[in-house]
C-alpha atoms as a PDB file:
ATOM      1  CA  MET A   1     -20.877 -70.596 -10.165  1.00  0.00           C
ATOM      2  CA  ILE A   2     -24.473 -70.090 -11.148  1.00  0.00           C
ATOM      3  CA  TYR A   3     -25.318 -66.566 -12.282  1.00  0.00           C
ATOM      4  CA  THR A   4     -28.571 -64.701 -11.803  1.00  0.00           C
ATOM      5  CA  ASP A   5     -30.395 -63.156 -14.756  1.00  0.00           C
ATOM      6  CA  GLU A   6     -29.222 -59.743 -13.544  1.00  0.00           C
ATOM      7  CA  GLU A   7     -25.581 -60.899 -13.471  1.00  0.00           C
ATOM      8  CA  MET A   8     -25.864 -62.443 -16.934  1.00  0.00           C
ATOM      9  CA  ASN A   9     -27.422 -59.239 -18.279  1.00  0.00           C
ATOM     10  CA  ARG A  10     -24.544 -57.235 -16.779  1.00  0.00           C
ATOM     11  CA  PHE A  11     -22.033 -59.636 -18.365  1.00  0.00           C
ATOM     12  CA  PHE A  12     -23.637 -59.558 -21.822  1.00  0.00           C
ATOM     13  CA  SER A  13     -23.957 -55.753 -21.737  1.00  0.00           C
ATOM     14  CA  LYS A  14     -20.154 -55.755 -22.025  1.00  0.00           C
ATOM     15  CA  VAL A  15     -20.061 -58.064 -25.060  1.00  0.00           C
ATOM     16  CA  LYS A  16     -20.260 -56.901 -28.679  1.00  0.00           C
ATOM     17  CA  LYS A  17     -21.337 -59.831 -30.849  1.00  0.00           C
ATOM     18  CA  THR A  18     -20.040 -59.904 -34.423  1.00  0.00           C
ATOM     19  CA  ASP A  19     -20.436 -62.549 -37.116  1.00  0.00           C
ATOM     20  CA  SER A  20     -17.235 -64.287 -36.004  1.00  0.00           C
ATOM     21  CA  CYS A  21     -16.475 -63.095 -32.441  1.00  0.00           C
ATOM     22  CA  TRP A  22     -17.874 -62.005 -29.137  1.00  0.00           C
ATOM     23  CA  LEU A  23     -15.674 -59.024 -28.264  1.00  0.00           C
ATOM     24  CA  TRP A  24     -15.224 -57.893 -24.659  1.00  0.00           C
ATOM     25  CA  THR A  25     -15.788 -54.122 -24.439  1.00  0.00           C
ATOM     26  CA  ALA A  26     -15.090 -53.488 -20.739  1.00  0.00           C
ATOM     27  CA  GLY A  27     -11.963 -53.587 -18.607  1.00  0.00           C
ATOM     28  CA  SER A  28      -9.235 -56.145 -19.028  1.00  0.00           C
ATOM     29  CA  PHE A  29      -6.315 -57.775 -17.301  1.00  0.00           C
ATOM     30  CA  GLN A  30      -2.757 -57.005 -18.350  1.00  0.00           C
ATOM     31  CA  GLY A  31      -2.430 -59.124 -21.474  1.00  0.00           C
ATOM     32  CA  GLY A  32      -5.856 -58.172 -22.773  1.00  0.00           C
ATOM     33  CA  TYR A  33      -8.188 -60.827 -21.350  1.00  0.00           C
ATOM     34  CA  GLY A  34     -11.549 -59.412 -20.302  1.00  0.00           C
ATOM     35  CA  ALA A  35     -12.149 -58.743 -16.610  1.00  0.00           C
ATOM     36  CA  ILE A  36     -15.395 -58.595 -14.646  1.00  0.00           C
ATOM     37  CA  SER A  37     -16.152 -58.636 -10.938  1.00  0.00           C
ATOM     38  CA  PHE A  38     -18.778 -60.911  -9.386  1.00  0.00           C
ATOM     39  CA  HIS A  39     -19.212 -61.467  -5.649  1.00  0.00           C
ATOM     40  CA  ASN A  40     -16.090 -59.386  -4.890  1.00  0.00           C
ATOM     41  CA  HIS A  41     -13.905 -61.559  -7.143  1.00  0.00           C
ATOM     42  CA  LEU A  42     -12.229 -60.264 -10.288  1.00  0.00           C
ATOM     43  CA  MET A  43     -12.742 -62.933 -12.935  1.00  0.00           C
ATOM     44  CA  LYS A  44     -11.654 -63.528 -16.525  1.00  0.00           C
ATOM     45  CA  ALA A  45     -14.557 -62.909 -18.880  1.00  0.00           C
ATOM     46  CA  HIS A  46     -13.944 -66.003 -21.017  1.00  0.00           C
ATOM     47  CA  ARG A  47     -14.191 -68.194 -17.901  1.00  0.00           C
ATOM     48  CA  VAL A  48     -17.428 -66.501 -16.828  1.00  0.00           C
ATOM     49  CA  SER A  49     -18.765 -67.028 -20.347  1.00  0.00           C
ATOM     50  CA  TRP A  50     -17.998 -70.769 -20.088  1.00  0.00           C
ATOM     51  CA  GLU A  51     -19.796 -71.015 -16.732  1.00  0.00           C
ATOM     52  CA  ILE A  52     -22.840 -69.162 -18.065  1.00  0.00           C
ATOM     53  CA  TYR A  53     -23.012 -71.368 -21.166  1.00  0.00           C
ATOM     54  CA  HIS A  54     -22.522 -74.655 -19.269  1.00  0.00           C
ATOM     55  CA  LYS A  55     -24.558 -73.599 -16.201  1.00  0.00           C
ATOM     56  CA  ARG A  56     -21.935 -74.927 -13.806  1.00  0.00           C
ATOM     57  CA  THR A  57     -18.664 -74.012 -12.141  1.00  0.00           C
ATOM     58  CA  ILE A  58     -15.462 -74.777 -14.003  1.00  0.00           C
ATOM     59  CA  PRO A  59     -14.031 -77.991 -12.533  1.00  0.00           C
ATOM     60  CA  LYS A  60     -10.899 -77.523 -10.416  1.00  0.00           C
ATOM     61  CA  GLY A  61      -7.780 -77.708 -12.558  1.00  0.00           C
ATOM     62  CA  MET A  62      -9.649 -77.340 -15.866  1.00  0.00           C
ATOM     63  CA  LEU A  63      -8.299 -74.813 -18.342  1.00  0.00           C
ATOM     64  CA  VAL A  64     -10.749 -72.734 -20.357  1.00  0.00           C
ATOM     65  CA  LEU A  65      -9.217 -71.471 -23.569  1.00  0.00           C
ATOM     66  CA  HIS A  66     -10.789 -69.038 -25.974  1.00  0.00           C
ATOM     67  CA  ASP A  67     -10.909 -69.953 -29.643  1.00  0.00           C
ATOM     68  CA  CYS A  68     -10.964 -67.012 -32.015  1.00  0.00           C
ATOM     69  CA  PRO A  69     -11.371 -67.581 -35.751  1.00  0.00           C
ATOM     70  CA  ASN A  70      -9.438 -64.343 -36.315  1.00  0.00           C
ATOM     71  CA  GLY A  71      -6.283 -65.500 -34.518  1.00  0.00           C
ATOM     72  CA  ASP A  72      -5.161 -64.971 -30.948  1.00  0.00           C
ATOM     73  CA  ASN A  73      -7.392 -62.144 -29.742  1.00  0.00           C
ATOM     74  CA  PRO A  74      -7.733 -62.050 -25.937  1.00  0.00           C
ATOM     75  CA  LYS A  75     -10.740 -59.695 -26.200  1.00  0.00           C
ATOM     76  CA  CYS A  76     -12.622 -62.348 -28.224  1.00  0.00           C
END
């Protein structure tokens, strides 16, 4: 999915950047992974982040895993 500047601004308004992490500050799924709604679809924030960074839709069947230097932190 390609995101508009407005959508990207909305996404990044919910991210607190630290020296080691980008922490999700908005709602989350059970289990702690960030949640955001675009085009009437509730999406995982780390997957949206990947699509914004790569400027393309995640290929079907591809897993997107977060990598936190501070251990397993779903909000990162």
